[in-house]
């Protein structure tokens, strides 16, 4: 438990503190990356949303992957994941769904994200999608979505809300429990799950049943020996990395790279 508490405290970007007081092992990748990353602002209704965008180094236009962050917010790790996506040939854009809010501790931010109205989250994701498709000249018109933990659950949900999506990659997020929540999904959904995560994994069979009945493609893979959040906790730069999580992260990335290359 001490390790988990320390990891949460270490990686969370507490928005009320100066950046130099925050330690997050994703920062090293961001500081050393040769790729162009930038912050952008755009409107979602009457609110202004901030998002982090990273571009791949390629000579032609690229697909965009919308990244939905964890329940801890848009951390350095989440932004480093965007850089890792760009390293694999796609444009990554991650909206800060807590834009404009400040918190004194991790728990405050976690509670704030949990309390976000569904309509607001959808509107912000819609605004991000619209920005990506219309305001990023390097985009080739293809849009996909991925998310982690809380964002993984939202990835599955958002796949049912946006008819323009070409793929959805849900990392250890809960699967839908109602036919209406999958009826409009226009694209394949690829699931990435840790073996030691029954809270989430218990929702997979129902999701498979619903997707099959609706004629939709859902491919969940459970990685042996991994726990919840293995894409973060399996980071090689995490000094307390667990071997099961590291192997799951490596295997998940090997699979994901193949899927990303299939985007039109």
C-alpha atoms as a PDB file:
ATOM      1  CA  UNK A   1       0.000   0.000   0.000  1.00  0.00           C
ATOM      2  CA  UNK A   2       2.889   2.371   0.728  1.00  0.00           C
ATOM      3  CA  UNK A   3       4.193   1.850  -2.800  1.00  0.00           C
ATOM      4  CA  UNK A   4       0.804   2.598  -4.343  1.00  0.00           C
ATOM      5  CA  UNK A   5       0.279   5.703  -2.233  1.00  0.00           C
ATOM      6  CA  UNK A   6       3.764   6.923  -3.099  1.00  0.00           C
ATOM      7  CA  UNK A   7       3.273   6.285  -6.791  1.00  0.00           C
ATOM      8  CA  UNK A   8       0.004   8.190  -6.861  1.00  0.00           C
ATOM      9  CA  UNK A   9       1.550  11.116  -5.021  1.00  0.00           C
ATOM     10  CA  UNK A  10       4.621  11.029  -7.239  1.00  0.00           C
ATOM     11  CA  UNK A  11       2.977  11.021 -10.634  1.00  0.00           C
ATOM     12  CA  UNK A  12      -0.041  13.238 -10.175  1.00  0.00           C
ATOM     13  CA  UNK A  13       0.238  16.738 -11.566  1.00  0.00           C
ATOM     14  CA  UNK A  14      -1.189  18.798  -8.731  1.00  0.00           C
ATOM     15  CA  UNK A  15      -2.324  21.873 -10.566  1.00  0.00           C
ATOM     16  CA  UNK A  16      -2.063  24.235  -7.605  1.00  0.00           C
ATOM     17  CA  UNK A  17       1.706  23.649  -7.146  1.00  0.00           C
ATOM     18  CA  UNK A  18       4.585  25.063  -9.180  1.00  0.00           C
ATOM     19  CA  UNK A  19       5.816  22.672 -11.850  1.00  0.00           C
ATOM     20  CA  UNK A  20       9.256  22.338 -10.241  1.00  0.00           C
ATOM     21  CA  UNK A  21       7.702  20.812  -7.126  1.00  0.00           C
ATOM     22  CA  UNK A  22       6.136  17.961  -9.096  1.00  0.00           C
ATOM     23  CA  UNK A  23       8.076  14.776  -9.804  1.00  0.00           C
ATOM     24  CA  UNK A  24       6.698  12.508 -12.508  1.00  0.00           C
ATOM     25  CA  UNK A  25       8.790   9.957 -14.368  1.00  0.00           C
ATOM     26  CA  UNK A  26       7.151  10.894 -17.665  1.00  0.00           C
ATOM     27  CA  UNK A  27       8.914  14.240 -17.624  1.00  0.00           C
ATOM     28  CA  UNK A  28      12.269  12.813 -18.710  1.00  0.00           C
ATOM     29  CA  UNK A  29      10.778  11.559 -21.973  1.00  0.00           C
ATOM     30  CA  UNK A  30       9.098  14.908 -22.590  1.00  0.00           C
ATOM     31  CA  UNK A  31      12.311  16.837 -21.966  1.00  0.00           C
ATOM     32  CA  UNK A  32      14.403  14.647 -24.256  1.00  0.00           C
ATOM     33  CA  UNK A  33      11.905  14.053 -27.073  1.00  0.00           C
ATOM     34  CA  UNK A  34      12.889  15.274 -30.558  1.00  0.00           C
ATOM     35  CA  UNK A  35       9.198  15.560 -31.488  1.00  0.00           C
ATOM     36  CA  UNK A  36       7.205  18.782 -31.413  1.00  0.00           C
ATOM     37  CA  UNK A  37       4.751  19.051 -28.536  1.00  0.00           C
ATOM     38  CA  UNK A  38       2.602  22.060 -27.733  1.00  0.00           C
ATOM     39  CA  UNK A  39      -0.310  23.308 -25.649  1.00  0.00           C
ATOM     40  CA  UNK A  40      -3.392  24.533 -27.486  1.00  0.00           C
ATOM     41  CA  UNK A  41      -6.585  26.268 -26.335  1.00  0.00           C
ATOM     42  CA  UNK A  42     -10.043  25.965 -27.852  1.00  0.00           C
ATOM     43  CA  UNK A  43     -13.648  26.472 -26.862  1.00  0.00           C
ATOM     44  CA  UNK A  44     -16.059  23.884 -25.517  1.00  0.00           C
ATOM     45  CA  UNK A  45     -19.317  25.781 -25.240  1.00  0.00           C
ATOM     46  CA  UNK A  46     -18.515  28.812 -23.092  1.00  0.00           C
ATOM     47  CA  UNK A  47     -15.486  27.116 -21.498  1.00  0.00           C
ATOM     48  CA  UNK A  48     -11.869  27.197 -22.669  1.00  0.00           C
ATOM     49  CA  UNK A  49     -10.158  23.816 -22.846  1.00  0.00           C
ATOM     50  CA  UNK A  50      -6.426  23.228 -22.808  1.00  0.00           C
ATOM     51  CA  UNK A  51      -4.967  20.240 -24.625  1.00  0.00           C
ATOM     52  CA  UNK A  52      -1.502  18.853 -25.235  1.00  0.00           C
ATOM     53  CA  UNK A  53      -0.608  17.880 -28.807  1.00  0.00           C
ATOM     54  CA  UNK A  54       2.426  15.926 -30.031  1.00  0.00           C
ATOM     55  CA  UNK A  55       3.313  15.493 -33.709  1.00  0.00           C
ATOM     56  CA  UNK A  56       5.122  12.546 -35.313  1.00  0.00           C
ATOM     57  CA  UNK A  57       8.153  13.029 -37.503  1.00  0.00           C
ATOM     58  CA  UNK A  58       6.830  12.017 -40.917  1.00  0.00           C
ATOM     59  CA  UNK A  59       6.595  13.570 -44.370  1.00  0.00           C
ATOM     60  CA  UNK A  60       2.872  12.971 -44.900  1.00  0.00           C
ATOM     61  CA  UNK A  61      -0.328  13.678 -43.001  1.00  0.00           C
ATOM     62  CA  UNK A  62      -1.163  11.436 -40.063  1.00  0.00           C
ATOM     63  CA  UNK A  63      -4.136  10.037 -38.140  1.00  0.00           C
ATOM     64  CA  UNK A  64      -5.047  11.648 -34.828  1.00  0.00           C
ATOM     65  CA  UNK A  65      -5.488   9.685 -31.611  1.00  0.00           C
ATOM     66  CA  UNK A  66      -7.528  11.400 -28.908  1.00  0.00           C
ATOM     67  CA  UNK A  67      -6.072  10.488 -25.492  1.00  0.00           C
ATOM     68  CA  UNK A  68      -8.420  10.433 -22.470  1.00  0.00           C
ATOM     69  CA  UNK A  69      -6.405  10.726 -19.264  1.00  0.00           C
ATOM     70  CA  UNK A  70      -6.733   8.774 -16.033  1.00  0.00           C
ATOM     71  CA  UNK A  71      -8.679   9.811 -12.964  1.00  0.00           C
ATOM     72  CA  UNK A  72      -5.529  11.634 -11.781  1.00  0.00           C
ATOM     73  CA  UNK A  73      -5.774  14.222 -14.550  1.00  0.00           C
ATOM     74  CA  UNK A  74      -3.436  15.219 -17.372  1.00  0.00           C
ATOM     75  CA  UNK A  75      -0.162  14.166 -15.718  1.00  0.00           C
ATOM     76  CA  UNK A  76       3.334  14.284 -17.143  1.00  0.00           C
ATOM     77  CA  UNK A  77       2.968  10.530 -17.651  1.00  0.00           C
ATOM     78  CA  UNK A  78      -0.176  11.007 -19.757  1.00  0.00           C
ATOM     79  CA  UNK A  79       1.625  13.630 -21.828  1.00  0.00           C
ATOM     80  CA  UNK A  80       4.637  11.322 -22.210  1.00  0.00           C
ATOM     81  CA  UNK A  81       2.232   8.673 -23.514  1.00  0.00           C
ATOM     82  CA  UNK A  82       1.206  11.198 -26.182  1.00  0.00           C
ATOM     83  CA  UNK A  83       4.866  11.503 -27.148  1.00  0.00           C
ATOM     84  CA  UNK A  84       5.139   7.718 -27.322  1.00  0.00           C
ATOM     85  CA  UNK A  85       2.133   7.621 -29.637  1.00  0.00           C
ATOM     86  CA  UNK A  86       3.702  10.284 -31.858  1.00  0.00           C
ATOM     87  CA  UNK A  87       6.888   8.215 -31.931  1.00  0.00           C
ATOM     88  CA  UNK A  88       4.726   5.537 -33.549  1.00  0.00           C
ATOM     89  CA  UNK A  89       3.487   7.752 -36.344  1.00  0.00           C
ATOM     90  CA  UNK A  90       0.252   9.371 -35.156  1.00  0.00           C
ATOM     91  CA  UNK A  91      -0.701  12.806 -33.888  1.00  0.00           C
ATOM     92  CA  UNK A  92      -1.748  12.586 -30.232  1.00  0.00           C
ATOM     93  CA  UNK A  93      -4.016  15.116 -28.548  1.00  0.00           C
ATOM     94  CA  UNK A  94      -4.934  14.952 -24.859  1.00  0.00           C
ATOM     95  CA  UNK A  95      -7.489  17.423 -23.484  1.00  0.00           C
ATOM     96  CA  UNK A  96      -7.217  18.494 -19.864  1.00  0.00           C
ATOM     97  CA  UNK A  97     -10.736  17.690 -18.681  1.00  0.00           C
ATOM     98  CA  UNK A  98     -10.051  19.639 -15.488  1.00  0.00           C
ATOM     99  CA  UNK A  99      -9.015  22.788 -17.358  1.00  0.00           C
ATOM    100  CA  UNK A 100      -9.163  25.843 -15.107  1.00  0.00           C
ATOM    101  CA  UNK A 101      -9.523  23.905 -11.850  1.00  0.00           C
ATOM    102  CA  UNK A 102      -6.978  23.714  -9.028  1.00  0.00           C
ATOM    103  CA  UNK A 103      -6.551  21.190  -6.238  1.00  0.00           C
ATOM    104  CA  UNK A 104      -4.552  20.853  -3.062  1.00  0.00           C
ATOM    105  CA  UNK A 105      -4.079  17.086  -3.254  1.00  0.00           C
ATOM    106  CA  UNK A 106      -4.607  13.970  -5.346  1.00  0.00           C
ATOM    107  CA  UNK A 107      -7.860  13.054  -3.657  1.00  0.00           C
ATOM    108  CA  UNK A 108      -9.388  16.432  -4.459  1.00  0.00           C
ATOM    109  CA  UNK A 109      -8.667  16.027  -8.159  1.00  0.00           C
ATOM    110  CA  UNK A 110      -9.870  12.432  -8.181  1.00  0.00           C
ATOM    111  CA  UNK A 111     -13.164  13.492  -6.619  1.00  0.00           C
ATOM    112  CA  UNK A 112     -13.494  16.365  -9.090  1.00  0.00           C
ATOM    113  CA  UNK A 113     -13.018  14.086 -12.089  1.00  0.00           C
ATOM    114  CA  UNK A 114     -15.467  11.548 -10.695  1.00  0.00           C
ATOM    115  CA  UNK A 115     -18.025  14.339 -10.311  1.00  0.00           C
ATOM    116  CA  UNK A 116     -17.672  15.707 -13.853  1.00  0.00           C
ATOM    117  CA  UNK A 117     -21.067  15.723 -15.588  1.00  0.00           C
ATOM    118  CA  UNK A 118     -21.261  13.212 -18.409  1.00  0.00           C
ATOM    119  CA  UNK A 119     -22.576  15.911 -20.728  1.00  0.00           C
ATOM    120  CA  UNK A 120     -19.570  18.127 -20.020  1.00  0.00           C
ATOM    121  CA  UNK A 121     -17.049  15.354 -20.629  1.00  0.00           C
ATOM    122  CA  UNK A 122     -18.736  14.444 -23.906  1.00  0.00           C
ATOM    123  CA  UNK A 123     -18.845  18.088 -24.981  1.00  0.00           C
ATOM    124  CA  UNK A 124     -15.139  18.510 -24.205  1.00  0.00           C
ATOM    125  CA  UNK A 125     -14.232  15.360 -26.117  1.00  0.00           C
ATOM    126  CA  UNK A 126     -16.395  16.497 -29.033  1.00  0.00           C
ATOM    127  CA  UNK A 127     -14.646  19.883 -29.009  1.00  0.00           C
ATOM    128  CA  UNK A 128     -11.255  18.156 -28.976  1.00  0.00           C
ATOM    129  CA  UNK A 129     -12.271  15.897 -31.865  1.00  0.00           C
ATOM    130  CA  UNK A 130     -13.505  18.867 -33.867  1.00  0.00           C
ATOM    131  CA  UNK A 131     -10.291  20.768 -33.200  1.00  0.00           C
ATOM    132  CA  UNK A 132      -8.194  17.799 -34.283  1.00  0.00           C
ATOM    133  CA  UNK A 133     -10.111  17.257 -37.517  1.00  0.00           C
ATOM    134  CA  UNK A 134     -10.497  20.904 -38.553  1.00  0.00           C
ATOM    135  CA  UNK A 135      -7.673  22.878 -36.947  1.00  0.00           C
ATOM    136  CA  UNK A 136      -4.686  20.548 -37.288  1.00  0.00           C
ATOM    137  CA  UNK A 137      -3.539  20.777 -40.924  1.00  0.00           C
ATOM    138  CA  UNK A 138      -1.262  17.735 -40.529  1.00  0.00           C
ATOM    139  CA  UNK A 139      -4.270  15.507 -39.738  1.00  0.00           C
ATOM    140  CA  UNK A 140      -5.270  13.175 -42.570  1.00  0.00           C
ATOM    141  CA  UNK A 141      -8.910  13.065 -41.464  1.00  0.00           C
ATOM    142  CA  UNK A 142      -8.682   9.828 -39.463  1.00  0.00           C
ATOM    143  CA  UNK A 143      -9.656   9.948 -35.787  1.00  0.00           C
ATOM    144  CA  UNK A 144      -9.231   7.270 -33.115  1.00  0.00           C
ATOM    145  CA  UNK A 145      -9.532   7.364 -29.321  1.00  0.00           C
ATOM    146  CA  UNK A 146      -7.692   5.765 -26.419  1.00  0.00           C
ATOM    147  CA  UNK A 147      -7.957   6.063 -22.654  1.00  0.00           C
ATOM    148  CA  UNK A 148      -6.616   4.680 -19.403  1.00  0.00           C
ATOM    149  CA  UNK A 149      -8.468   3.623 -16.233  1.00  0.00           C
ATOM    150  CA  UNK A 150     -11.267   6.224 -15.910  1.00  0.00           C
ATOM    151  CA  UNK A 151     -10.332   7.285 -19.422  1.00  0.00           C
ATOM    152  CA  UNK A 152     -10.494   3.659 -20.559  1.00  0.00           C
ATOM    153  CA  UNK A 153     -14.107   3.443 -19.467  1.00  0.00           C
ATOM    154  CA  UNK A 154     -14.805   6.721 -21.196  1.00  0.00           C
ATOM    155  CA  UNK A 155     -13.116   5.435 -24.357  1.00  0.00           C
ATOM    156  CA  UNK A 156     -15.697   2.671 -24.664  1.00  0.00           C
ATOM    157  CA  UNK A 157     -18.495   5.138 -23.891  1.00  0.00           C
ATOM    158  CA  UNK A 158     -17.237   7.751 -26.327  1.00  0.00           C
ATOM    159  CA  UNK A 159     -16.997   5.179 -29.103  1.00  0.00           C
ATOM    160  CA  UNK A 160     -20.787   5.088 -28.893  1.00  0.00           C
ATOM    161  CA  UNK A 161     -21.027   8.875 -29.124  1.00  0.00           C
ATOM    162  CA  UNK A 162     -18.782   9.822 -32.039  1.00  0.00           C
ATOM    163  CA  UNK A 163     -19.622   8.344 -35.470  1.00  0.00           C
ATOM    164  CA  UNK A 164     -16.328   9.600 -36.938  1.00  0.00           C
ATOM    165  CA  UNK A 165     -14.090   7.279 -34.917  1.00  0.00           C
ATOM    166  CA  UNK A 166     -12.088   4.638 -36.809  1.00  0.00           C
ATOM    167  CA  UNK A 167     -10.813   2.733 -33.738  1.00  0.00           C
ATOM    168  CA  UNK A 168     -11.037   2.753 -29.942  1.00  0.00           C
ATOM    169  CA  UNK A 169      -8.340   1.461 -27.576  1.00  0.00           C
ATOM    170  CA  UNK A 170      -9.619   0.941 -24.035  1.00  0.00           C
ATOM    171  CA  UNK A 171      -6.957   0.316 -21.388  1.00  0.00           C
ATOM    172  CA  UNK A 172      -8.307  -1.310 -18.199  1.00  0.00           C
ATOM    173  CA  UNK A 173     -11.582   0.598 -18.346  1.00  0.00           C
ATOM    174  CA  UNK A 174     -14.961  -0.918 -17.549  1.00  0.00           C
ATOM    175  CA  UNK A 175     -17.008  -2.286 -20.453  1.00  0.00           C
ATOM    176  CA  UNK A 176     -20.627  -1.249 -21.229  1.00  0.00           C
ATOM    177  CA  UNK A 177     -23.500  -2.958 -19.426  1.00  0.00           C
ATOM    178  CA  UNK A 178     -26.424  -1.994 -21.651  1.00  0.00           C
ATOM    179  CA  UNK A 179     -27.263  -2.549 -25.323  1.00  0.00           C
ATOM    180  CA  UNK A 180     -27.960   1.157 -25.827  1.00  0.00           C
ATOM    181  CA  UNK A 181     -24.343   1.897 -24.872  1.00  0.00           C
ATOM    182  CA  UNK A 182     -22.928  -0.031 -27.829  1.00  0.00           C
ATOM    183  CA  UNK A 183     -25.635   0.381 -30.482  1.00  0.00           C
ATOM    184  CA  UNK A 184     -23.958   3.314 -32.248  1.00  0.00           C
ATOM    185  CA  UNK A 185     -20.305   2.248 -32.051  1.00  0.00           C
ATOM    186  CA  UNK A 186     -18.901   2.753 -35.583  1.00  0.00           C
ATOM    187  CA  UNK A 187     -15.480   1.153 -35.130  1.00  0.00           C
ATOM    188  CA  UNK A 188     -13.554  -1.773 -33.630  1.00  0.00           C
ATOM    189  CA  UNK A 189     -12.901  -1.607 -29.891  1.00  0.00           C
ATOM    190  CA  UNK A 190      -9.644  -3.106 -28.648  1.00  0.00           C
ATOM    191  CA  UNK A 191      -9.349  -3.841 -24.928  1.00  0.00           C
ATOM    192  CA  UNK A 192      -6.151  -4.071 -22.873  1.00  0.00           C
ATOM    193  CA  UNK A 193      -6.564  -5.527 -19.354  1.00  0.00           C
ATOM    194  CA  UNK A 194      -4.427  -6.755 -16.468  1.00  0.00           C
ATOM    195  CA  UNK A 195      -5.025 -10.247 -15.107  1.00  0.00           C
ATOM    196  CA  UNK A 196      -5.102  -9.047 -11.491  1.00  0.00           C
ATOM    197  CA  UNK A 197      -7.901  -6.523 -11.985  1.00  0.00           C
ATOM    198  CA  UNK A 198     -11.188  -8.331 -11.426  1.00  0.00           C
ATOM    199  CA  UNK A 199     -13.063  -5.098 -10.658  1.00  0.00           C
ATOM    200  CA  UNK A 200     -12.669  -4.191 -14.318  1.00  0.00           C
ATOM    201  CA  UNK A 201     -12.372  -7.649 -15.853  1.00  0.00           C
ATOM    202  CA  UNK A 202     -15.715  -8.751 -14.406  1.00  0.00           C
ATOM    203  CA  UNK A 203     -17.371  -6.336 -16.855  1.00  0.00           C
ATOM    204  CA  UNK A 204     -15.731  -7.850 -19.965  1.00  0.00           C
ATOM    205  CA  UNK A 205     -18.103 -10.823 -20.551  1.00  0.00           C
ATOM    206  CA  UNK A 206     -21.175  -8.574 -20.609  1.00  0.00           C
ATOM    207  CA  UNK A 207     -19.382  -6.206 -22.956  1.00  0.00           C
ATOM    208  CA  UNK A 208     -18.514  -9.096 -25.256  1.00  0.00           C
ATOM    209  CA  UNK A 209     -22.110 -10.310 -25.210  1.00  0.00           C
ATOM    210  CA  UNK A 210     -23.510  -6.880 -26.042  1.00  0.00           C
ATOM    211  CA  UNK A 211     -20.996  -6.170 -28.798  1.00  0.00           C
ATOM    212  CA  UNK A 212     -21.535  -9.558 -30.419  1.00  0.00           C
ATOM    213  CA  UNK A 213     -25.308  -9.124 -30.341  1.00  0.00           C
ATOM    214  CA  UNK A 214     -24.943  -5.704 -31.957  1.00  0.00           C
ATOM    215  CA  UNK A 215     -22.626  -7.024 -34.664  1.00  0.00           C
ATOM    216  CA  UNK A 216     -19.710  -4.958 -33.387  1.00  0.00           C
ATOM    217  CA  UNK A 217     -16.024  -5.871 -33.153  1.00  0.00           C
ATOM    218  CA  UNK A 218     -14.594  -6.080 -29.615  1.00  0.00           C
ATOM    219  CA  UNK A 219     -11.217  -7.700 -28.979  1.00  0.00           C
ATOM    220  CA  UNK A 220     -10.271  -7.798 -25.278  1.00  0.00           C
ATOM    221  CA  UNK A 221      -6.851  -9.149 -24.296  1.00  0.00           C
ATOM    222  CA  UNK A 222      -5.953  -9.905 -20.667  1.00  0.00           C
ATOM    223  CA  UNK A 223      -2.229  -9.708 -19.878  1.00  0.00           C
ATOM    224  CA  UNK A 224      -1.020 -12.326 -17.412  1.00  0.00           C
ATOM    225  CA  UNK A 225       0.614 -11.186 -14.182  1.00  0.00           C
ATOM    226  CA  UNK A 226      -0.378  -7.555 -14.659  1.00  0.00           C
ATOM    227  CA  UNK A 227      -2.380  -5.341 -12.339  1.00  0.00           C
ATOM    228  CA  UNK A 228      -4.568  -2.324 -12.935  1.00  0.00           C
ATOM    229  CA  UNK A 229      -2.716   0.600 -14.489  1.00  0.00           C
ATOM    230  CA  UNK A 230       0.104  -1.483 -15.947  1.00  0.00           C
ATOM    231  CA  UNK A 231       0.807   0.994 -18.741  1.00  0.00           C
ATOM    232  CA  UNK A 232       1.940   3.432 -16.052  1.00  0.00           C
ATOM    233  CA  UNK A 233       3.321   1.060 -13.433  1.00  0.00           C
ATOM    234  CA  UNK A 234       5.145  -0.935 -16.106  1.00  0.00           C
ATOM    235  CA  UNK A 235       7.209   2.095 -17.116  1.00  0.00           C
ATOM    236  CA  UNK A 236      10.904   1.125 -17.350  1.00  0.00           C
ATOM    237  CA  UNK A 237      11.791   4.478 -15.736  1.00  0.00           C
ATOM    238  CA  UNK A 238       9.651   3.731 -12.675  1.00  0.00           C
ATOM    239  CA  UNK A 239      12.219   2.773  -9.998  1.00  0.00           C
ATOM    240  CA  UNK A 240       9.707   0.383  -8.440  1.00  0.00           C
ATOM    241  CA  UNK A 241       8.526  -1.252 -11.659  1.00  0.00           C
ATOM    242  CA  UNK A 242       6.922  -4.703 -11.307  1.00  0.00           C
ATOM    243  CA  UNK A 243       8.018  -7.337 -13.809  1.00  0.00           C
ATOM    244  CA  UNK A 244       4.452  -8.495 -14.539  1.00  0.00           C
ATOM    245  CA  UNK A 245       3.402  -4.944 -15.341  1.00  0.00           C
ATOM    246  CA  UNK A 246       6.515  -4.273 -17.407  1.00  0.00           C
ATOM    247  CA  UNK A 247       5.973  -7.370 -19.558  1.00  0.00           C
ATOM    248  CA  UNK A 248       2.284  -6.506 -19.988  1.00  0.00           C
ATOM    249  CA  UNK A 249       3.214  -2.979 -21.029  1.00  0.00           C
ATOM    250  CA  UNK A 250       5.727  -4.281 -23.572  1.00  0.00           C
ATOM    251  CA  UNK A 251       3.237  -6.813 -24.943  1.00  0.00           C
ATOM    252  CA  UNK A 252       0.442  -4.239 -25.062  1.00  0.00           C
ATOM    253  CA  UNK A 253       2.636  -1.812 -26.962  1.00  0.00           C
ATOM    254  CA  UNK A 254       3.655  -4.513 -29.442  1.00  0.00           C
ATOM    255  CA  UNK A 255      -0.018  -5.173 -30.151  1.00  0.00           C
ATOM    256  CA  UNK A 256      -0.942  -1.470 -30.188  1.00  0.00           C
ATOM    257  CA  UNK A 257       1.785  -0.596 -32.697  1.00  0.00           C
ATOM    258  CA  UNK A 258       0.344  -3.108 -35.131  1.00  0.00           C
ATOM    259  CA  UNK A 259      -3.166  -1.701 -34.646  1.00  0.00           C
ATOM    260  CA  UNK A 260      -1.982   1.894 -35.085  1.00  0.00           C
ATOM    261  CA  UNK A 261      -0.424   1.001 -38.437  1.00  0.00           C
ATOM    262  CA  UNK A 262      -3.847  -0.236 -39.568  1.00  0.00           C
ATOM    263  CA  UNK A 263      -5.392   3.234 -39.230  1.00  0.00           C
ATOM    264  CA  UNK A 264      -6.175   4.711 -42.642  1.00  0.00           C
END
